[in-house]
Structures are given as C-alpha cells and as structure tokens.
Amino acid sequence: PTSVGTGTHSITAFYTGDTSHGSSSGAFNLVLFDFTLSVTPGSGTILQGGNMSATIIATLVSGETQSVSFTVSSLPPGLTAVFTPSSCSPTCSPKVTFTATSTAALGNFTITISGTRSGLVHSVNILLVVKPKPEFTISASPTSLTIYQSGAGQNVTITLDYIGLPGDVNRDGAVNV
C-alpha cells in the first residue's frame, strides 16, 4: 500500500538471495502516532456576557507523543473560544474557555473541538446553551410619601421583576411605614 493508518504495523522484508548471498528475511513493527479526544463537561450553560470552561482530554493511543493543535468550529454569533494552551503533546488536558458577548445568539449549539497533527484530525462535540443574563427591576408605589410625626402608617408596595429566569418572576411586597 502507499499509505498506512495509525497504530502498529508489522513490516517484513524478504531477500531471495543471489550467487553471492543466501536468502534472508527480517521483520519490524512500525508504530504511528495516534490520539483520542474527549471533553468534560460535555455540555454547559453560558449567560450572555458570561463565560464557561471545559477541559479537553487528549490521550496518546500509539506512537511517540507529538504536539497537537486545537481549533473550534460551529461557534454561533457572539461566542468566542480560547484554548490554554493552544497546543500540547498527548497525554495532556488543555482548557477551553467560551465567552459570550452581551448580544450573543440565544439557544442550544453543538460546538466541534478538533485536535490536529500533520493531517491526523480527531474531533469531539460539546453542547452549549446560551441564555439571557438575568436582570431585575425594582419599583415602589407610591414613589414618594410624607410621614407626619405620630401619624397613621401608610402602605408602600415594592415590586421586583426578574427577567431572564425560567418563567420570569414577579414579586410584590407591601411595607407599612
């Protein structure tokens, strides 16, 4: 064959001999570099304006270790990825940090992480869920009041609205002043 896959291969050479030399044969193993990739955790949630990290596990399978470079594809708008370090020699565990802008696309995204060495590419997927950053507002009704000494108490309603949480929450409470 003109090329062989990764792993261990036995090669045997034969010489049939000539008038000066007898026949001979020899064998040796050729072990080619290979590695596997995995990622932990396999999924995560990022709030707009936030970040999350995952660990890539690059494991040497065969051959002598060689440097593998990492890339990411399928990133949605507003999401970036940084590898620390950007390359390493398996067995190793680089970290990838995903950062979402405040306007990053919302939803579930399957991101592909690839490790490459001289045309040998292995990939692993991570599921990222981008959610809006929770916000809240506070309001009071009435917005102002006058309290007289030894006067009767008055009720003030304070409202908190949480936005971006599951089911968006509204909480009212009354305070007697």
C-alpha atoms as a PDB file:
ATOM      1  CA  PRO A   1       0.000   0.000   0.000  1.00  0.00           C
ATOM      2  CA  THR A   2       1.068   3.614  -0.499  1.00  0.00           C
ATOM      3  CA  SER A   3      -0.141   4.706   2.945  1.00  0.00           C
ATOM      4  CA  VAL A   4      -0.993   3.085   6.253  1.00  0.00           C
ATOM      5  CA  GLY A   5      -3.346   4.114   9.009  1.00  0.00           C
ATOM      6  CA  THR A   6      -2.386   4.986  12.547  1.00  0.00           C
ATOM      7  CA  GLY A   7      -1.423   2.279  15.014  1.00  0.00           C
ATOM      8  CA  THR A   8       1.105  -0.585  14.939  1.00  0.00           C
ATOM      9  CA  HIS A   9       2.030  -2.294  11.687  1.00  0.00           C
ATOM     10  CA  SER A  10       4.341  -5.263  11.080  1.00  0.00           C
ATOM     11  CA  ILE A  11       6.668  -4.998   8.114  1.00  0.00           C
ATOM     12  CA  THR A  12       8.581  -7.992   6.810  1.00  0.00           C
ATOM     13  CA  ALA A  13      11.288  -7.791   4.157  1.00  0.00           C
ATOM     14  CA  PHE A  14      12.457 -10.802   2.133  1.00  0.00           C
ATOM     15  CA  TYR A  15      15.640 -11.233   0.122  1.00  0.00           C
ATOM     16  CA  THR A  16      15.715 -14.281  -2.109  1.00  0.00           C
ATOM     17  CA  GLY A  17      19.457 -14.259  -2.456  1.00  0.00           C
ATOM     18  CA  ASP A  18      21.839 -14.321  -5.391  1.00  0.00           C
ATOM     19  CA  THR A  19      25.011 -16.234  -6.271  1.00  0.00           C
ATOM     20  CA  SER A  20      26.999 -14.400  -3.568  1.00  0.00           C
ATOM     21  CA  HIS A  21      24.431 -14.276  -0.762  1.00  0.00           C
ATOM     22  CA  GLY A  22      21.813 -16.607   0.603  1.00  0.00           C
ATOM     23  CA  SER A  23      18.195 -15.656   1.186  1.00  0.00           C
ATOM     24  CA  SER A  24      17.198 -13.628   4.271  1.00  0.00           C
ATOM     25  CA  SER A  25      14.191 -12.024   5.900  1.00  0.00           C
ATOM     26  CA  GLY A  26      13.570  -9.559   8.721  1.00  0.00           C
ATOM     27  CA  ALA A  27      10.593  -8.012  10.438  1.00  0.00           C
ATOM     28  CA  PHE A  28       9.949  -4.900  12.498  1.00  0.00           C
ATOM     29  CA  ASN A  29       6.969  -3.027  13.865  1.00  0.00           C
ATOM     30  CA  LEU A  30       6.119   0.463  12.676  1.00  0.00           C
ATOM     31  CA  VAL A  31       4.132   2.363  15.315  1.00  0.00           C
ATOM     32  CA  LEU A  32       2.421   5.518  14.062  1.00  0.00           C
ATOM     33  CA  PHE A  33       1.254   8.389  16.269  1.00  0.00           C
ATOM     34  CA  ASP A  34      -2.432   8.446  17.219  1.00  0.00           C
ATOM     35  CA  PHE A  35      -4.531  10.031  19.961  1.00  0.00           C
ATOM     36  CA  THR A  36      -8.132  10.338  21.157  1.00  0.00           C
ATOM     37  CA  LEU A  37     -10.091  13.390  22.306  1.00  0.00           C
ATOM     38  CA  SER A  38     -12.809  13.812  24.909  1.00  0.00           C
ATOM     39  CA  VAL A  39     -14.249  16.847  26.707  1.00  0.00           C
ATOM     40  CA  THR A  40     -15.609  17.345  30.206  1.00  0.00           C
ATOM     41  CA  PRO A  41     -18.183  18.551  30.873  1.00  0.00           C
ATOM     42  CA  GLY A  42     -19.914  17.508  27.649  1.00  0.00           C
ATOM     43  CA  SER A  43     -22.399  20.375  27.928  1.00  0.00           C
ATOM     44  CA  GLY A  44     -22.783  23.690  29.697  1.00  0.00           C
ATOM     45  CA  THR A  45     -24.762  26.899  30.026  1.00  0.00           C
ATOM     46  CA  ILE A  46     -23.431  30.387  29.321  1.00  0.00           C
ATOM     47  CA  LEU A  47     -25.287  33.562  30.163  1.00  0.00           C
ATOM     48  CA  GLN A  48     -24.961  36.474  27.734  1.00  0.00           C
ATOM     49  CA  GLY A  49     -21.955  38.481  28.925  1.00  0.00           C
ATOM     50  CA  GLY A  50     -20.527  35.453  30.761  1.00  0.00           C
ATOM     51  CA  ASN A  51     -18.207  32.508  30.168  1.00  0.00           C
ATOM     52  CA  MET A  52     -17.661  28.854  30.960  1.00  0.00           C
ATOM     53  CA  SER A  53     -14.692  26.495  30.732  1.00  0.00           C
ATOM     54  CA  ALA A  54     -14.264  22.853  29.770  1.00  0.00           C
ATOM     55  CA  THR A  55     -11.298  20.503  29.849  1.00  0.00           C
ATOM     56  CA  ILE A  56     -10.180  18.673  26.718  1.00  0.00           C
ATOM     57  CA  ILE A  57      -8.519  15.333  27.356  1.00  0.00           C
ATOM     58  CA  ALA A  58      -6.074  14.354  24.610  1.00  0.00           C
ATOM     59  CA  THR A  59      -4.873  10.786  25.229  1.00  0.00           C
ATOM     60  CA  LEU A  60      -1.918   9.147  23.488  1.00  0.00           C
ATOM     61  CA  VAL A  61      -3.012   5.880  21.827  1.00  0.00           C
ATOM     62  CA  SER A  62       0.100   4.856  19.922  1.00  0.00           C
ATOM     63  CA  GLY A  63       3.495   6.056  18.726  1.00  0.00           C
ATOM     64  CA  GLU A  64       5.684   8.723  20.227  1.00  0.00           C
ATOM     65  CA  THR A  65       3.871  11.785  21.501  1.00  0.00           C
ATOM     66  CA  GLN A  66       3.717  14.783  19.155  1.00  0.00           C
ATOM     67  CA  SER A  67       2.242  18.246  19.519  1.00  0.00           C
ATOM     68  CA  VAL A  68      -1.476  18.550  18.677  1.00  0.00           C
ATOM     69  CA  SER A  69      -3.088  21.927  17.844  1.00  0.00           C
ATOM     70  CA  PHE A  70      -6.677  22.693  18.872  1.00  0.00           C
ATOM     71  CA  THR A  71      -9.377  24.562  16.962  1.00  0.00           C
ATOM     72  CA  VAL A  72     -13.100  25.087  17.320  1.00  0.00           C
ATOM     73  CA  SER A  73     -15.833  25.345  14.693  1.00  0.00           C
ATOM     74  CA  SER A  74     -19.588  25.935  14.601  1.00  0.00           C
ATOM     75  CA  LEU A  75     -19.479  28.889  17.002  1.00  0.00           C
ATOM     76  CA  PRO A  76     -22.679  30.959  16.919  1.00  0.00           C
ATOM     77  CA  PRO A  77     -22.509  34.759  16.586  1.00  0.00           C
ATOM     78  CA  GLY A  78     -21.202  36.455  19.726  1.00  0.00           C
ATOM     79  CA  LEU A  79     -19.368  33.409  21.108  1.00  0.00           C
ATOM     80  CA  THR A  80     -15.567  33.010  21.189  1.00  0.00           C
ATOM     81  CA  ALA A  81     -13.283  30.188  22.337  1.00  0.00           C
ATOM     82  CA  VAL A  82      -9.730  30.361  23.717  1.00  0.00           C
ATOM     83  CA  PHE A  83      -7.539  27.295  24.338  1.00  0.00           C
ATOM     84  CA  THR A  84      -4.972  27.263  27.160  1.00  0.00           C
ATOM     85  CA  PRO A  85      -2.554  26.094  25.905  1.00  0.00           C
ATOM     86  CA  SER A  86      -3.443  26.186  22.189  1.00  0.00           C
ATOM     87  CA  SER A  87      -1.401  23.010  21.591  1.00  0.00           C
ATOM     88  CA  CYS A  88       0.057  20.208  23.698  1.00  0.00           C
ATOM     89  CA  SER A  89       1.546  16.709  23.414  1.00  0.00           C
ATOM     90  CA  PRO A  90      -0.841  13.899  24.428  1.00  0.00           C
ATOM     91  CA  THR A  91      -1.491  12.745  27.038  1.00  0.00           C
ATOM     92  CA  CYS A  92      -2.498  16.287  28.120  1.00  0.00           C
ATOM     93  CA  SER A  93      -5.524  18.294  29.298  1.00  0.00           C
ATOM     94  CA  PRO A  94      -5.803  21.810  27.865  1.00  0.00           C
ATOM     95  CA  LYS A  95      -8.685  24.076  28.873  1.00  0.00           C
ATOM     96  CA  VAL A  96     -11.091  25.827  26.510  1.00  0.00           C
ATOM     97  CA  THR A  97     -12.933  28.930  27.711  1.00  0.00           C
ATOM     98  CA  PHE A  98     -16.076  30.010  25.882  1.00  0.00           C
ATOM     99  CA  THR A  99     -17.101  33.670  26.246  1.00  0.00           C
ATOM    100  CA  ALA A 100     -20.460  35.121  25.213  1.00  0.00           C
ATOM    101  CA  THR A 101     -20.956  38.797  24.399  1.00  0.00           C
ATOM    102  CA  SER A 102     -23.960  40.603  25.856  1.00  0.00           C
ATOM    103  CA  THR A 103     -25.656  40.179  22.449  1.00  0.00           C
ATOM    104  CA  ALA A 104     -24.644  36.558  21.761  1.00  0.00           C
ATOM    105  CA  ALA A 105     -27.177  34.415  19.898  1.00  0.00           C
ATOM    106  CA  LEU A 106     -29.507  32.554  22.268  1.00  0.00           C
ATOM    107  CA  GLY A 107     -30.203  28.829  22.020  1.00  0.00           C
ATOM    108  CA  ASN A 108     -28.617  25.367  22.018  1.00  0.00           C
ATOM    109  CA  PHE A 109     -25.441  24.983  19.951  1.00  0.00           C
ATOM    110  CA  THR A 110     -23.286  21.943  19.190  1.00  0.00           C
ATOM    111  CA  ILE A 111     -19.666  23.134  19.049  1.00  0.00           C
ATOM    112  CA  THR A 112     -16.951  20.978  17.445  1.00  0.00           C
ATOM    113  CA  ILE A 113     -13.484  20.918  19.030  1.00  0.00           C
ATOM    114  CA  SER A 114     -10.724  19.432  16.838  1.00  0.00           C
ATOM    115  CA  GLY A 115      -7.172  18.322  17.556  1.00  0.00           C
ATOM    116  CA  THR A 116      -4.824  18.202  14.538  1.00  0.00           C
ATOM    117  CA  ARG A 117      -1.327  16.874  13.856  1.00  0.00           C
ATOM    118  CA  SER A 118       0.063  16.540  10.296  1.00  0.00           C
ATOM    119  CA  GLY A 119      -3.271  15.734   8.656  1.00  0.00           C
ATOM    120  CA  LEU A 120      -4.462  13.494  11.513  1.00  0.00           C
ATOM    121  CA  VAL A 121      -7.647  15.085  12.915  1.00  0.00           C
ATOM    122  CA  HIS A 122      -9.839  13.940  15.784  1.00  0.00           C
ATOM    123  CA  SER A 123     -12.928  15.852  16.923  1.00  0.00           C
ATOM    124  CA  VAL A 124     -15.322  15.933  19.858  1.00  0.00           C
ATOM    125  CA  ASN A 125     -18.561  17.888  20.381  1.00  0.00           C
ATOM    126  CA  ILE A 126     -19.761  19.971  23.301  1.00  0.00           C
ATOM    127  CA  LEU A 127     -23.325  21.269  23.688  1.00  0.00           C
ATOM    128  CA  LEU A 128     -23.519  24.917  24.777  1.00  0.00           C
ATOM    129  CA  VAL A 129     -26.747  26.577  25.864  1.00  0.00           C
ATOM    130  CA  VAL A 130     -26.673  30.386  25.654  1.00  0.00           C
ATOM    131  CA  LYS A 131     -29.271  32.112  27.851  1.00  0.00           C
ATOM    132  CA  PRO A 132     -30.057  35.756  28.522  1.00  0.00           C
ATOM    133  CA  LYS A 133     -28.395  37.334  31.523  1.00  0.00           C
ATOM    134  CA  PRO A 134     -30.964  37.634  34.329  1.00  0.00           C
ATOM    135  CA  GLU A 135     -31.908  41.203  35.134  1.00  0.00           C
ATOM    136  CA  PHE A 136     -34.307  42.717  37.598  1.00  0.00           C
ATOM    137  CA  THR A 137     -36.113  45.988  38.108  1.00  0.00           C
ATOM    138  CA  ILE A 138     -37.446  47.423  41.333  1.00  0.00           C
ATOM    139  CA  SER A 139     -40.289  49.887  41.693  1.00  0.00           C
ATOM    140  CA  ALA A 140     -42.359  51.363  44.517  1.00  0.00           C
ATOM    141  CA  SER A 141     -45.892  52.714  44.630  1.00  0.00           C
ATOM    142  CA  PRO A 142     -46.402  55.442  45.618  1.00  0.00           C
ATOM    143  CA  THR A 143     -42.971  56.700  44.563  1.00  0.00           C
ATOM    144  CA  SER A 144     -42.929  59.251  47.406  1.00  0.00           C
ATOM    145  CA  LEU A 145     -44.899  59.954  50.554  1.00  0.00           C
ATOM    146  CA  THR A 146     -44.878  62.268  53.531  1.00  0.00           C
ATOM    147  CA  ILE A 147     -44.932  60.812  57.021  1.00  0.00           C
ATOM    148  CA  TYR A 148     -46.089  63.043  59.877  1.00  0.00           C
ATOM    149  CA  GLN A 149     -44.972  62.551  63.444  1.00  0.00           C
ATOM    150  CA  SER A 150     -47.464  60.339  65.255  1.00  0.00           C
ATOM    151  CA  GLY A 151     -49.359  59.961  62.005  1.00  0.00           C
ATOM    152  CA  ALA A 152     -51.039  56.801  60.790  1.00  0.00           C
ATOM    153  CA  GLY A 153     -48.961  54.292  58.825  1.00  0.00           C
ATOM    154  CA  GLN A 154     -49.160  54.148  55.084  1.00  0.00           C
ATOM    155  CA  ASN A 155     -48.658  51.178  52.765  1.00  0.00           C
ATOM    156  CA  VAL A 156     -45.973  51.163  50.087  1.00  0.00           C
ATOM    157  CA  THR A 157     -45.898  48.384  47.507  1.00  0.00           C
ATOM    158  CA  ILE A 158     -42.450  47.330  46.302  1.00  0.00           C
ATOM    159  CA  THR A 159     -42.266  45.232  43.137  1.00  0.00           C
ATOM    160  CA  LEU A 160     -39.267  43.206  41.883  1.00  0.00           C
ATOM    161  CA  ASP A 161     -39.380  41.909  38.310  1.00  0.00           C
ATOM    162  CA  TYR A 162     -36.772  39.277  37.379  1.00  0.00           C
ATOM    163  CA  ILE A 163     -36.153  38.973  33.645  1.00  0.00           C
ATOM    164  CA  GLY A 164     -34.287  36.101  32.044  1.00  0.00           C
ATOM    165  CA  LEU A 165     -35.064  33.475  34.656  1.00  0.00           C
ATOM    166  CA  PRO A 166     -37.195  30.416  33.971  1.00  0.00           C
ATOM    167  CA  GLY A 167     -40.791  31.586  33.788  1.00  0.00           C
ATOM    168  CA  ASP A 168     -39.808  35.224  34.523  1.00  0.00           C
ATOM    169  CA  VAL A 169     -40.693  36.024  38.131  1.00  0.00           C
ATOM    170  CA  ASN A 170     -42.711  38.935  39.552  1.00  0.00           C
ATOM    171  CA  ARG A 171     -42.720  39.511  43.324  1.00  0.00           C
ATOM    172  CA  ASP A 172     -44.803  42.104  45.134  1.00  0.00           C
ATOM    173  CA  GLY A 173     -44.492  43.036  48.790  1.00  0.00           C
ATOM    174  CA  ALA A 174     -46.184  45.662  50.937  1.00  0.00           C
ATOM    175  CA  VAL A 175     -44.382  47.678  53.578  1.00  0.00           C
ATOM    176  CA  ASN A 176     -46.240  49.668  56.227  1.00  0.00           C
ATOM    177  CA  VAL A 177     -44.375  52.866  57.094  1.00  0.00           C
END
